[in-house]
Amino acid sequence: MNTEKQRIAIAEACGWKEIADWGAGGINGKHPTEPWVEVTPDYLADLNAMHEAEKVLTVGQRIEYVRDIGFIFTGRNDRAIPDWWMIHEATAAQRAEAFLRTIGKWEDDK
């Protein structure tokens, strides 16, 4: 799944509207609560942005999210048990992938 699709899918999950990829101009949309904000966060490079995105997950989704982070770290090993350090050390891009897998929006590359 390319980075633009990932950013758009996360922004949509966070309530952004009318999202469009402007190429070099970035990915713009309408912020859910602040009408003057137009440039969507770079979720794949910004841990603070991913922290805000994580807040939209339900309690059940958060459990799945932690599991998905563990799977990303272990190469999708079903028997691996995620631990606190995996979550702590996850990059913004790893968190973004886990987030999208958790909400069912991840698309494997073909």
PDB file of N, CA and C in Angstrom:
ATOM      1  N   MET A   1       0.868  -1.173   0.000  1.00  0.00           N
ATOM      2  CA  MET A   1       0.000   0.000   0.000  1.00  0.00           C
ATOM      3  C   MET A   1       0.908   1.227   0.000  1.00  0.00           C
ATOM      4  N   ASN A   2       0.743   2.105  -0.968  1.00  0.00           N
ATOM      5  CA  ASN A   2       1.657   3.241  -1.042  1.00  0.00           C
ATOM      6  C   ASN A   2       1.368   4.257   0.075  1.00  0.00           C
ATOM      7  N   THR A   3       2.331   5.141   0.283  1.00  0.00           N
ATOM      8  CA  THR A   3       2.250   6.077   1.411  1.00  0.00           C
ATOM      9  C   THR A   3       1.068   7.031   1.299  1.00  0.00           C
ATOM     10  N   GLU A   4       0.740   7.464   0.095  1.00  0.00           N
ATOM     11  CA  GLU A   4      -0.387   8.387  -0.075  1.00  0.00           C
ATOM     12  C   GLU A   4      -1.698   7.729   0.332  1.00  0.00           C
ATOM     13  N   LYS A   5      -1.897   6.487  -0.120  1.00  0.00           N
ATOM     14  CA  LYS A   5      -3.115   5.756   0.247  1.00  0.00           C
ATOM     15  C   LYS A   5      -3.195   5.552   1.758  1.00  0.00           C
ATOM     16  N   GLN A   6      -2.042   5.278   2.375  1.00  0.00           N
ATOM     17  CA  GLN A   6      -2.023   5.093   3.820  1.00  0.00           C
ATOM     18  C   GLN A   6      -2.432   6.380   4.538  1.00  0.00           C
ATOM     19  N   ARG A   7      -1.835   7.492   4.130  1.00  0.00           N
ATOM     20  CA  ARG A   7      -2.159   8.780   4.773  1.00  0.00           C
ATOM     21  C   ARG A   7      -3.633   9.130   4.599  1.00  0.00           C
ATOM     22  N   ILE A   8      -4.165   8.898   3.415  1.00  0.00           N
ATOM     23  CA  ILE A   8      -5.572   9.218   3.154  1.00  0.00           C
ATOM     24  C   ILE A   8      -6.481   8.331   4.001  1.00  0.00           C
ATOM     25  N   ALA A   9      -6.185   7.031   4.061  1.00  0.00           N
ATOM     26  CA  ALA A   9      -7.029   6.107   4.832  1.00  0.00           C
ATOM     27  C   ALA A   9      -7.011   6.451   6.322  1.00  0.00           C
ATOM     28  N   ILE A  10      -5.862   6.819   6.855  1.00  0.00           N
ATOM     29  CA  ILE A  10      -5.791   7.186   8.274  1.00  0.00           C
ATOM     30  C   ILE A  10      -6.535   8.494   8.512  1.00  0.00           C
ATOM     31  N   ALA A  11      -6.341   9.462   7.630  1.00  0.00           N
ATOM     32  CA  ALA A  11      -7.050  10.742   7.775  1.00  0.00           C
ATOM     33  C   ALA A  11      -8.560  10.530   7.754  1.00  0.00           C
ATOM     34  N   GLU A  12      -9.049   9.687   6.862  1.00  0.00           N
ATOM     35  CA  GLU A  12     -10.478   9.396   6.802  1.00  0.00           C
ATOM     36  C   GLU A  12     -10.958   8.768   8.110  1.00  0.00           C
ATOM     37  N   ALA A  13     -10.167   7.836   8.651  1.00  0.00           N
ATOM     38  CA  ALA A  13     -10.532   7.187   9.910  1.00  0.00           C
ATOM     39  C   ALA A  13     -10.566   8.179  11.069  1.00  0.00           C
ATOM     40  N   CYS A  14      -9.783   9.249  10.941  1.00  0.00           N
ATOM     41  CA  CYS A  14      -9.725  10.280  11.985  1.00  0.00           C
ATOM     42  C   CYS A  14     -10.756  11.384  11.770  1.00  0.00           C
ATOM     43  N   GLY A  15     -11.582  11.252  10.736  1.00  0.00           N
ATOM     44  CA  GLY A  15     -12.666  12.193  10.534  1.00  0.00           C
ATOM     45  C   GLY A  15     -12.425  13.306   9.534  1.00  0.00           C
ATOM     46  N   TRP A  16     -11.277  13.298   8.851  1.00  0.00           N
ATOM     47  CA  TRP A  16     -11.025  14.302   7.826  1.00  0.00           C
ATOM     48  C   TRP A  16     -11.997  14.097   6.667  1.00  0.00           C
ATOM     49  N   LYS A  17     -12.393  15.169   6.028  1.00  0.00           N
ATOM     50  CA  LYS A  17     -13.334  15.127   4.901  1.00  0.00           C
ATOM     51  C   LYS A  17     -12.700  15.723   3.650  1.00  0.00           C
ATOM     52  N   GLU A  18     -13.254  15.375   2.498  1.00  0.00           N
ATOM     53  CA  GLU A  18     -12.833  15.929   1.205  1.00  0.00           C
ATOM     54  C   GLU A  18     -11.314  15.860   1.024  1.00  0.00           C
ATOM     55  N   ILE A  19     -10.759  14.690   1.248  1.00  0.00           N
ATOM     56  CA  ILE A  19      -9.312  14.499   1.192  1.00  0.00           C
ATOM     57  C   ILE A  19      -8.874  14.305  -0.253  1.00  0.00           C
ATOM     58  N   ALA A  20      -7.800  14.981  -0.611  1.00  0.00           N
ATOM     59  CA  ALA A  20      -7.266  14.868  -1.969  1.00  0.00           C
ATOM     60  C   ALA A  20      -5.749  14.902  -1.928  1.00  0.00           C
ATOM     61  N   ASP A  21      -5.123  14.133  -2.808  1.00  0.00           N
ATOM     62  CA  ASP A  21      -3.669  14.122  -2.932  1.00  0.00           C
ATOM     63  C   ASP A  21      -3.270  15.187  -3.943  1.00  0.00           C
ATOM     64  N   TRP A  22      -2.580  16.204  -3.485  1.00  0.00           N
ATOM     65  CA  TRP A  22      -2.160  17.322  -4.341  1.00  0.00           C
ATOM     66  C   TRP A  22      -0.744  17.120  -4.868  1.00  0.00           C
ATOM     67  N   GLY A  23      -0.260  15.892  -4.850  1.00  0.00           N
ATOM     68  CA  GLY A  23       1.092  15.615  -5.335  1.00  0.00           C
ATOM     69  C   GLY A  23       2.121  16.267  -4.437  1.00  0.00           C
ATOM     70  N   ALA A  24       2.977  17.107  -5.010  1.00  0.00           N
ATOM     71  CA  ALA A  24       4.023  17.772  -4.244  1.00  0.00           C
ATOM     72  C   ALA A  24       3.445  18.733  -3.206  1.00  0.00           C
ATOM     73  N   GLY A  25       2.199  19.143  -3.396  1.00  0.00           N
ATOM     74  CA  GLY A  25       1.563  20.055  -2.450  1.00  0.00           C
ATOM     75  C   GLY A  25       1.068  19.379  -1.187  1.00  0.00           C
ATOM     76  N   GLY A  26       1.125  18.057  -1.139  1.00  0.00           N
ATOM     77  CA  GLY A  26       0.702  17.320   0.040  1.00  0.00           C
ATOM     78  C   GLY A  26      -0.718  16.808  -0.072  1.00  0.00           C
ATOM     79  N   ILE A  27      -1.168  16.198   0.987  1.00  0.00           N
ATOM     80  CA  ILE A  27      -2.520  15.653   1.051  1.00  0.00           C
ATOM     81  C   ILE A  27      -3.353  16.596   1.895  1.00  0.00           C
ATOM     82  N   ASN A  28      -4.370  17.159   1.286  1.00  0.00           N
ATOM     83  CA  ASN A  28      -5.200  18.159   1.953  1.00  0.00           C
ATOM     84  C   ASN A  28      -6.597  17.632   2.204  1.00  0.00           C
ATOM     85  N   GLY A  29      -7.271  18.262   3.138  1.00  0.00           N
ATOM     86  CA  GLY A  29      -8.643  17.909   3.438  1.00  0.00           C
ATOM     87  C   GLY A  29      -9.194  18.889   4.463  1.00  0.00           C
ATOM     88  N   LYS A  30     -10.401  18.599   4.911  1.00  0.00           N
ATOM     89  CA  LYS A  30     -11.028  19.440   5.928  1.00  0.00           C
ATOM     90  C   LYS A  30     -10.921  18.741   7.276  1.00  0.00           C
ATOM     91  N   HIS A  31     -10.261  19.415   8.224  1.00  0.00           N
ATOM     92  CA  HIS A  31     -10.095  18.881   9.570  1.00  0.00           C
ATOM     93  C   HIS A  31     -11.461  18.713  10.229  1.00  0.00           C
ATOM     94  N   PRO A  32     -11.645  17.659  11.028  1.00  0.00           N
ATOM     95  CA  PRO A  32     -12.960  17.420  11.619  1.00  0.00           C
ATOM     96  C   PRO A  32     -13.423  18.493  12.608  1.00  0.00           C
ATOM     97  N   THR A  33     -12.493  19.202  13.267  1.00  0.00           N
ATOM     98  CA  THR A  33     -12.921  20.190  14.265  1.00  0.00           C
ATOM     99  C   THR A  33     -12.308  21.573  14.081  1.00  0.00           C
ATOM    100  N   GLU A  34     -11.285  21.677  13.263  1.00  0.00           N
ATOM    101  CA  GLU A  34     -10.615  22.963  13.060  1.00  0.00           C
ATOM    102  C   GLU A  34     -10.682  23.339  11.585  1.00  0.00           C
ATOM    103  N   PRO A  35     -11.648  24.164  11.180  1.00  0.00           N
ATOM    104  CA  PRO A  35     -11.879  24.432   9.750  1.00  0.00           C
ATOM    105  C   PRO A  35     -10.712  25.099   9.026  1.00  0.00           C
ATOM    106  N   TRP A  36      -9.810  25.722   9.726  1.00  0.00           N
ATOM    107  CA  TRP A  36      -8.696  26.408   9.059  1.00  0.00           C
ATOM    108  C   TRP A  36      -7.518  25.473   8.768  1.00  0.00           C
ATOM    109  N   VAL A  37      -7.530  24.255   9.299  1.00  0.00           N
ATOM    110  CA  VAL A  37      -6.455  23.296   9.053  1.00  0.00           C
ATOM    111  C   VAL A  37      -6.786  22.514   7.794  1.00  0.00           C
ATOM    112  N   GLU A  38      -5.876  22.517   6.826  1.00  0.00           N
ATOM    113  CA  GLU A  38      -6.139  21.846   5.553  1.00  0.00           C
ATOM    114  C   GLU A  38      -5.144  20.747   5.213  1.00  0.00           C
ATOM    115  N   VAL A  39      -3.902  20.836   5.668  1.00  0.00           N
ATOM    116  CA  VAL A  39      -2.904  19.829   5.327  1.00  0.00           C
ATOM    117  C   VAL A  39      -2.989  18.694   6.348  1.00  0.00           C
ATOM    118  N   THR A  40      -3.244  17.491   5.857  1.00  0.00           N
ATOM    119  CA  THR A  40      -3.354  16.345   6.760  1.00  0.00           C
ATOM    120  C   THR A  40      -1.979  16.014   7.343  1.00  0.00           C
ATOM    121  N   PRO A  41      -1.958  15.454   8.545  1.00  0.00           N
ATOM    122  CA  PRO A  41      -0.674  15.090   9.157  1.00  0.00           C
ATOM    123  C   PRO A  41       0.049  14.014   8.343  1.00  0.00           C
ATOM    124  N   ASP A  42       1.356  13.984   8.476  1.00  0.00           N
ATOM    125  CA  ASP A  42       2.149  12.935   7.835  1.00  0.00           C
ATOM    126  C   ASP A  42       2.253  11.775   8.821  1.00  0.00           C
ATOM    127  N   TYR A  43       1.209  10.989   8.887  1.00  0.00           N
ATOM    128  CA  TYR A  43       1.107   9.917   9.872  1.00  0.00           C
ATOM    129  C   TYR A  43       2.274   8.941   9.820  1.00  0.00           C
ATOM    130  N   LEU A  44       2.842   8.731   8.647  1.00  0.00           N
ATOM    131  CA  LEU A  44       3.906   7.739   8.507  1.00  0.00           C
ATOM    132  C   LEU A  44       5.265   8.220   8.994  1.00  0.00           C
ATOM    133  N   ALA A  45       5.383   9.511   9.273  1.00  0.00           N
ATOM    134  CA  ALA A  45       6.660  10.069   9.729  1.00  0.00           C
ATOM    135  C   ALA A  45       6.559  10.790  11.063  1.00  0.00           C
ATOM    136  N   ASP A  46       5.363  10.913  11.617  1.00  0.00           N
ATOM    137  CA  ASP A  46       5.149  11.741  12.799  1.00  0.00           C
ATOM    138  C   ASP A  46       4.483  10.925  13.912  1.00  0.00           C
ATOM    139  N   LEU A  47       5.257  10.591  14.952  1.00  0.00           N
ATOM    140  CA  LEU A  47       4.707   9.819  16.066  1.00  0.00           C
ATOM    141  C   LEU A  47       3.576  10.558  16.770  1.00  0.00           C
ATOM    142  N   ASN A  48       3.660  11.885  16.840  1.00  0.00           N
ATOM    143  CA  ASN A  48       2.586  12.655  17.473  1.00  0.00           C
ATOM    144  C   ASN A  48       1.282  12.517  16.687  1.00  0.00           C
ATOM    145  N   ALA A  49       1.374  12.527  15.371  1.00  0.00           N
ATOM    146  CA  ALA A  49       0.186  12.361  14.540  1.00  0.00           C
ATOM    147  C   ALA A  49      -0.410  10.965  14.738  1.00  0.00           C
ATOM    148  N   MET A  50       0.445   9.945  14.821  1.00  0.00           N
ATOM    149  CA  MET A  50      -0.061   8.594  15.049  1.00  0.00           C
ATOM    150  C   MET A  50      -0.667   8.471  16.442  1.00  0.00           C
ATOM    151  N   HIS A  51      -0.122   9.161  17.402  1.00  0.00           N
ATOM    152  CA  HIS A  51      -0.708   9.149  18.754  1.00  0.00           C
ATOM    153  C   HIS A  51      -2.137   9.686  18.706  1.00  0.00           C
ATOM    154  N   GLU A  52      -2.353  10.745  17.941  1.00  0.00           N
ATOM    155  CA  GLU A  52      -3.702  11.301  17.791  1.00  0.00           C
ATOM    156  C   GLU A  52      -4.608  10.305  17.062  1.00  0.00           C
ATOM    157  N   ALA A  53      -4.080   9.639  16.045  1.00  0.00           N
ATOM    158  CA  ALA A  53      -4.878   8.663  15.303  1.00  0.00           C
ATOM    159  C   ALA A  53      -5.271   7.495  16.204  1.00  0.00           C
ATOM    160  N   GLU A  54      -4.361   7.059  17.049  1.00  0.00           N
ATOM    161  CA  GLU A  54      -4.637   5.926  17.941  1.00  0.00           C
ATOM    162  C   GLU A  54      -5.826   6.203  18.857  1.00  0.00           C
ATOM    163  N   LYS A  55      -6.102   7.441  19.123  1.00  0.00           N
ATOM    164  CA  LYS A  55      -7.203   7.805  20.023  1.00  0.00           C
ATOM    165  C   LYS A  55      -8.575   7.447  19.457  1.00  0.00           C
ATOM    166  N   VAL A  56      -8.684   7.236  18.144  1.00  0.00           N
ATOM    167  CA  VAL A  56      -9.991   6.893  17.556  1.00  0.00           C
ATOM    168  C   VAL A  56     -10.304   5.403  17.676  1.00  0.00           C
ATOM    169  N   LEU A  57      -9.327   4.598  18.076  1.00  0.00           N
ATOM    170  CA  LEU A  57      -9.545   3.166  18.208  1.00  0.00           C
ATOM    171  C   LEU A  57     -10.388   2.852  19.439  1.00  0.00           C
ATOM    172  N   THR A  58     -11.274   1.884  19.292  1.00  0.00           N
ATOM    173  CA  THR A  58     -12.045   1.409  20.438  1.00  0.00           C
ATOM    174  C   THR A  58     -11.145   0.553  21.318  1.00  0.00           C
ATOM    175  N   VAL A  59     -11.625   0.191  22.490  1.00  0.00           N
ATOM    176  CA  VAL A  59     -10.837  -0.664  23.382  1.00  0.00           C
ATOM    177  C   VAL A  59     -10.521  -1.991  22.695  1.00  0.00           C
ATOM    178  N   GLY A  60     -11.502  -2.583  22.055  1.00  0.00           N
ATOM    179  CA  GLY A  60     -11.274  -3.833  21.340  1.00  0.00           C
ATOM    180  C   GLY A  60     -10.263  -3.683  20.218  1.00  0.00           C
ATOM    181  N   GLN A  61     -10.345  -2.582  19.498  1.00  0.00           N
ATOM    182  CA  GLN A  61      -9.397  -2.331  18.410  1.00  0.00           C
ATOM    183  C   GLN A  61      -7.996  -2.105  18.948  1.00  0.00           C
ATOM    184  N   ARG A  62      -7.879  -1.509  20.112  1.00  0.00           N
ATOM    185  CA  ARG A  62      -6.552  -1.281  20.694  1.00  0.00           C
ATOM    186  C   ARG A  62      -5.849  -2.596  20.999  1.00  0.00           C
ATOM    187  N   ILE A  63      -6.602  -3.596  21.430  1.00  0.00           N
ATOM    188  CA  ILE A  63      -6.015  -4.917  21.679  1.00  0.00           C
ATOM    189  C   ILE A  63      -5.512  -5.507  20.366  1.00  0.00           C
ATOM    190  N   GLU A  64      -6.306  -5.407  19.320  1.00  0.00           N
ATOM    191  CA  GLU A  64      -5.900  -5.889  17.992  1.00  0.00           C
ATOM    192  C   GLU A  64      -4.694  -5.104  17.474  1.00  0.00           C
ATOM    193  N   TYR A  65      -4.684  -3.810  17.708  1.00  0.00           N
ATOM    194  CA  TYR A  65      -3.596  -2.924  17.276  1.00  0.00           C
ATOM    195  C   TYR A  65      -2.266  -3.359  17.893  1.00  0.00           C
ATOM    196  N   VAL A  66      -2.279  -3.645  19.186  1.00  0.00           N
ATOM    197  CA  VAL A  66      -1.061  -4.105  19.870  1.00  0.00           C
ATOM    198  C   VAL A  66      -0.596  -5.417  19.258  1.00  0.00           C
ATOM    199  N   ARG A  67      -1.528  -6.309  18.984  1.00  0.00           N
ATOM    200  CA  ARG A  67      -1.197  -7.587  18.352  1.00  0.00           C
ATOM    201  C   ARG A  67      -0.584  -7.355  16.968  1.00  0.00           C
ATOM    202  N   ASP A  68      -1.170  -6.428  16.195  1.00  0.00           N
ATOM    203  CA  ASP A  68      -0.643  -6.148  14.856  1.00  0.00           C
ATOM    204  C   ASP A  68       0.753  -5.544  14.906  1.00  0.00           C
ATOM    205  N   ILE A  69       1.024  -4.693  15.881  1.00  0.00           N
ATOM    206  CA  ILE A  69       2.389  -4.162  16.018  1.00  0.00           C
ATOM    207  C   ILE A  69       3.358  -5.308  16.283  1.00  0.00           C
ATOM    208  N   GLY A  70       2.977  -6.219  17.164  1.00  0.00           N
ATOM    209  CA  GLY A  70       3.831  -7.384  17.436  1.00  0.00           C
ATOM    210  C   GLY A  70       4.077  -8.214  16.200  1.00  0.00           C
ATOM    211  N   PHE A  71       3.040  -8.412  15.397  1.00  0.00           N
ATOM    212  CA  PHE A  71       3.198  -9.190  14.166  1.00  0.00           C
ATOM    213  C   PHE A  71       4.127  -8.498  13.181  1.00  0.00           C
ATOM    214  N   ILE A  72       4.054  -7.186  13.091  1.00  0.00           N
ATOM    215  CA  ILE A  72       4.943  -6.448  12.188  1.00  0.00           C
ATOM    216  C   ILE A  72       6.395  -6.640  12.621  1.00  0.00           C
ATOM    217  N   PHE A  73       6.644  -6.585  13.925  1.00  0.00           N
ATOM    218  CA  PHE A  73       8.006  -6.751  14.449  1.00  0.00           C
ATOM    219  C   PHE A  73       8.531  -8.166  14.254  1.00  0.00           C
ATOM    220  N   THR A  74       7.649  -9.162  14.247  1.00  0.00           N
ATOM    221  CA  THR A  74       8.093 -10.549  14.194  1.00  0.00           C
ATOM    222  C   THR A  74       7.885 -11.193  12.829  1.00  0.00           C
ATOM    223  N   GLY A  75       7.583 -10.402  11.834  1.00  0.00           N
ATOM    224  CA  GLY A  75       7.372 -10.953  10.504  1.00  0.00           C
ATOM    225  C   GLY A  75       6.081 -11.738  10.384  1.00  0.00           C
ATOM    226  N   ARG A  76       5.041 -11.291  11.088  1.00  0.00           N
ATOM    227  CA  ARG A  76       3.701 -11.890  11.067  1.00  0.00           C
ATOM    228  C   ARG A  76       3.702 -13.304  11.656  1.00  0.00           C
ATOM    229  N   ASN A  77       4.543 -13.539  12.650  1.00  0.00           N
ATOM    230  CA  ASN A  77       4.587 -14.817  13.343  1.00  0.00           C
ATOM    231  C   ASN A  77       3.399 -14.899  14.298  1.00  0.00           C
ATOM    232  N   ASP A  78       2.455 -15.809  14.022  1.00  0.00           N
ATOM    233  CA  ASP A  78       1.239 -15.928  14.822  1.00  0.00           C
ATOM    234  C   ASP A  78       1.503 -16.360  16.258  1.00  0.00           C
ATOM    235  N   ARG A  79       2.638 -16.983  16.508  1.00  0.00           N
ATOM    236  CA  ARG A  79       2.917 -17.451  17.863  1.00  0.00           C
ATOM    237  C   ARG A  79       3.679 -16.430  18.698  1.00  0.00           C
ATOM    238  N   ALA A  80       4.118 -15.373  18.080  1.00  0.00           N
ATOM    239  CA  ALA A  80       4.865 -14.349  18.816  1.00  0.00           C
ATOM    240  C   ALA A  80       3.908 -13.566  19.712  1.00  0.00           C
ATOM    241  N   ILE A  81       4.369 -13.237  20.871  1.00  0.00           N
ATOM    242  CA  ILE A  81       3.561 -12.469  21.810  1.00  0.00           C
ATOM    243  C   ILE A  81       4.127 -11.055  21.863  1.00  0.00           C
ATOM    244  N   PRO A  82       3.327 -10.043  21.472  1.00  0.00           N
ATOM    245  CA  PRO A  82       3.823  -8.674  21.513  1.00  0.00           C
ATOM    246  C   PRO A  82       4.130  -8.258  22.948  1.00  0.00           C
ATOM    247  N   ASP A  83       5.169  -7.514  23.117  1.00  0.00           N
ATOM    248  CA  ASP A  83       5.468  -7.014  24.450  1.00  0.00           C
ATOM    249  C   ASP A  83       5.572  -5.494  24.417  1.00  0.00           C
ATOM    250  N   TRP A  84       5.705  -4.920  25.567  1.00  0.00           N
ATOM    251  CA  TRP A  84       5.712  -3.468  25.706  1.00  0.00           C
ATOM    252  C   TRP A  84       6.805  -2.824  24.875  1.00  0.00           C
ATOM    253  N   TRP A  85       7.974  -3.454  24.789  1.00  0.00           N
ATOM    254  CA  TRP A  85       9.079  -2.845  24.054  1.00  0.00           C
ATOM    255  C   TRP A  85       8.796  -2.757  22.567  1.00  0.00           C
ATOM    256  N   MET A  86       8.102  -3.737  22.017  1.00  0.00           N
ATOM    257  CA  MET A  86       7.749  -3.661  20.598  1.00  0.00           C
ATOM    258  C   MET A  86       6.879  -2.441  20.336  1.00  0.00           C
ATOM    259  N   ILE A  87       5.922  -2.231  21.203  1.00  0.00           N
ATOM    260  CA  ILE A  87       5.031  -1.086  21.041  1.00  0.00           C
ATOM    261  C   ILE A  87       5.812   0.214  21.233  1.00  0.00           C
ATOM    262  N   HIS A  88       6.633   0.236  22.245  1.00  0.00           N
ATOM    263  CA  HIS A  88       7.423   1.425  22.568  1.00  0.00           C
ATOM    264  C   HIS A  88       8.365   1.799  21.420  1.00  0.00           C
ATOM    265  N   GLU A  89       8.942   0.810  20.768  1.00  0.00           N
ATOM    266  CA  GLU A  89       9.939   1.057  19.730  1.00  0.00           C
ATOM    267  C   GLU A  89       9.356   1.180  18.321  1.00  0.00           C
ATOM    268  N   ALA A  90       8.063   0.992  18.166  1.00  0.00           N
ATOM    269  CA  ALA A  90       7.458   1.039  16.836  1.00  0.00           C
ATOM    270  C   ALA A  90       7.581   2.442  16.233  1.00  0.00           C
ATOM    271  N   THR A  91       7.994   2.497  14.989  1.00  0.00           N
ATOM    272  CA  THR A  91       8.095   3.765  14.280  1.00  0.00           C
ATOM    273  C   THR A  91       6.702   4.246  13.892  1.00  0.00           C
ATOM    274  N   ALA A  92       6.607   5.469  13.445  1.00  0.00           N
ATOM    275  CA  ALA A  92       5.325   5.997  12.984  1.00  0.00           C
ATOM    276  C   ALA A  92       4.798   5.163  11.813  1.00  0.00           C
ATOM    277  N   ALA A  93       5.679   4.771  10.906  1.00  0.00           N
ATOM    278  CA  ALA A  93       5.256   3.969   9.749  1.00  0.00           C
ATOM    279  C   ALA A  93       4.745   2.597  10.188  1.00  0.00           C
ATOM    280  N   GLN A  94       5.400   1.971  11.158  1.00  0.00           N
ATOM    281  CA  GLN A  94       4.944   0.677  11.663  1.00  0.00           C
ATOM    282  C   GLN A  94       3.595   0.820  12.360  1.00  0.00           C
ATOM    283  N   ARG A  95       3.429   1.898  13.124  1.00  0.00           N
ATOM    284  CA  ARG A  95       2.160   2.149  13.795  1.00  0.00           C
ATOM    285  C   ARG A  95       1.056   2.395  12.764  1.00  0.00           C
ATOM    286  N   ALA A  96       1.392   3.110  11.692  1.00  0.00           N
ATOM    287  CA  ALA A  96       0.403   3.379  10.647  1.00  0.00           C
ATOM    288  C   ALA A  96      -0.065   2.074  10.004  1.00  0.00           C
ATOM    289  N   GLU A  97       0.879   1.178   9.689  1.00  0.00           N
ATOM    290  CA  GLU A  97       0.496  -0.105   9.109  1.00  0.00           C
ATOM    291  C   GLU A  97      -0.392  -0.892  10.073  1.00  0.00           C
ATOM    292  N   ALA A  98      -0.001  -0.964  11.335  1.00  0.00           N
ATOM    293  CA  ALA A  98      -0.792  -1.686  12.331  1.00  0.00           C
ATOM    294  C   ALA A  98      -2.184  -1.069  12.471  1.00  0.00           C
ATOM    295  N   PHE A  99      -2.248   0.258  12.466  1.00  0.00           N
ATOM    296  CA  PHE A  99      -3.524   0.965  12.572  1.00  0.00           C
ATOM    297  C   PHE A  99      -4.436   0.575  11.417  1.00  0.00           C
ATOM    298  N   LEU A 100      -3.901   0.616  10.208  1.00  0.00           N
ATOM    299  CA  LEU A 100      -4.704   0.299   9.033  1.00  0.00           C
ATOM    300  C   LEU A 100      -5.115  -1.175   8.999  1.00  0.00           C
ATOM    301  N   ARG A 101      -4.247  -2.058   9.442  1.00  0.00           N
ATOM    302  CA  ARG A 101      -4.616  -3.476   9.531  1.00  0.00           C
ATOM    303  C   ARG A 101      -5.740  -3.652  10.548  1.00  0.00           C
ATOM    304  N   THR A 102      -5.634  -2.941  11.658  1.00  0.00           N
ATOM    305  CA  THR A 102      -6.624  -3.047  12.724  1.00  0.00           C
ATOM    306  C   THR A 102      -8.005  -2.611  12.264  1.00  0.00           C
ATOM    307  N   ILE A 103      -8.074  -1.526  11.492  1.00  0.00           N
ATOM    308  CA  ILE A 103      -9.384  -1.021  11.062  1.00  0.00           C
ATOM    309  C   ILE A 103      -9.824  -1.625   9.722  1.00  0.00           C
ATOM    310  N   GLY A 104      -9.039  -2.581   9.211  1.00  0.00           N
ATOM    311  CA  GLY A 104      -9.418  -3.286   7.985  1.00  0.00           C
ATOM    312  C   GLY A 104      -9.221  -2.495   6.708  1.00  0.00           C
ATOM    313  N   LYS A 105      -8.319  -1.531   6.722  1.00  0.00           N
ATOM    314  CA  LYS A 105      -8.085  -0.696   5.534  1.00  0.00           C
ATOM    315  C   LYS A 105      -6.752  -0.979   4.853  1.00  0.00           C
ATOM    316  N   TRP A 106      -5.942  -1.885   5.389  1.00  0.00           N
ATOM    317  CA  TRP A 106      -4.640  -2.178   4.797  1.00  0.00           C
ATOM    318  C   TRP A 106      -4.820  -2.954   3.500  1.00  0.00           C
ATOM    319  N   GLU A 107      -4.070  -2.561   2.482  1.00  0.00           N
ATOM    320  CA  GLU A 107      -4.077  -3.260   1.193  1.00  0.00           C
ATOM    321  C   GLU A 107      -2.683  -3.787   0.925  1.00  0.00           C
ATOM    322  N   ASP A 108      -2.557  -5.099   0.779  1.00  0.00           N
ATOM    323  CA  ASP A 108      -1.259  -5.676   0.435  1.00  0.00           C
ATOM    324  C   ASP A 108      -0.889  -5.285  -0.980  1.00  0.00           C
ATOM    325  N   ASP A 109       0.396  -5.055  -1.209  1.00  0.00           N
ATOM    326  CA  ASP A 109       0.878  -4.756  -2.566  1.00  0.00           C
ATOM    327  C   ASP A 109       0.693  -5.971  -3.443  1.00  0.00           C
ATOM    328  N   LYS A 110       0.348  -5.705  -4.694  1.00  0.00           N
ATOM    329  CA  LYS A 110       0.097  -6.803  -5.630  1.00  0.00           C
ATOM    330  C   LYS A 110       1.272  -7.016  -6.530  1.00  0.00           C
TER     331      LYS A 110
END
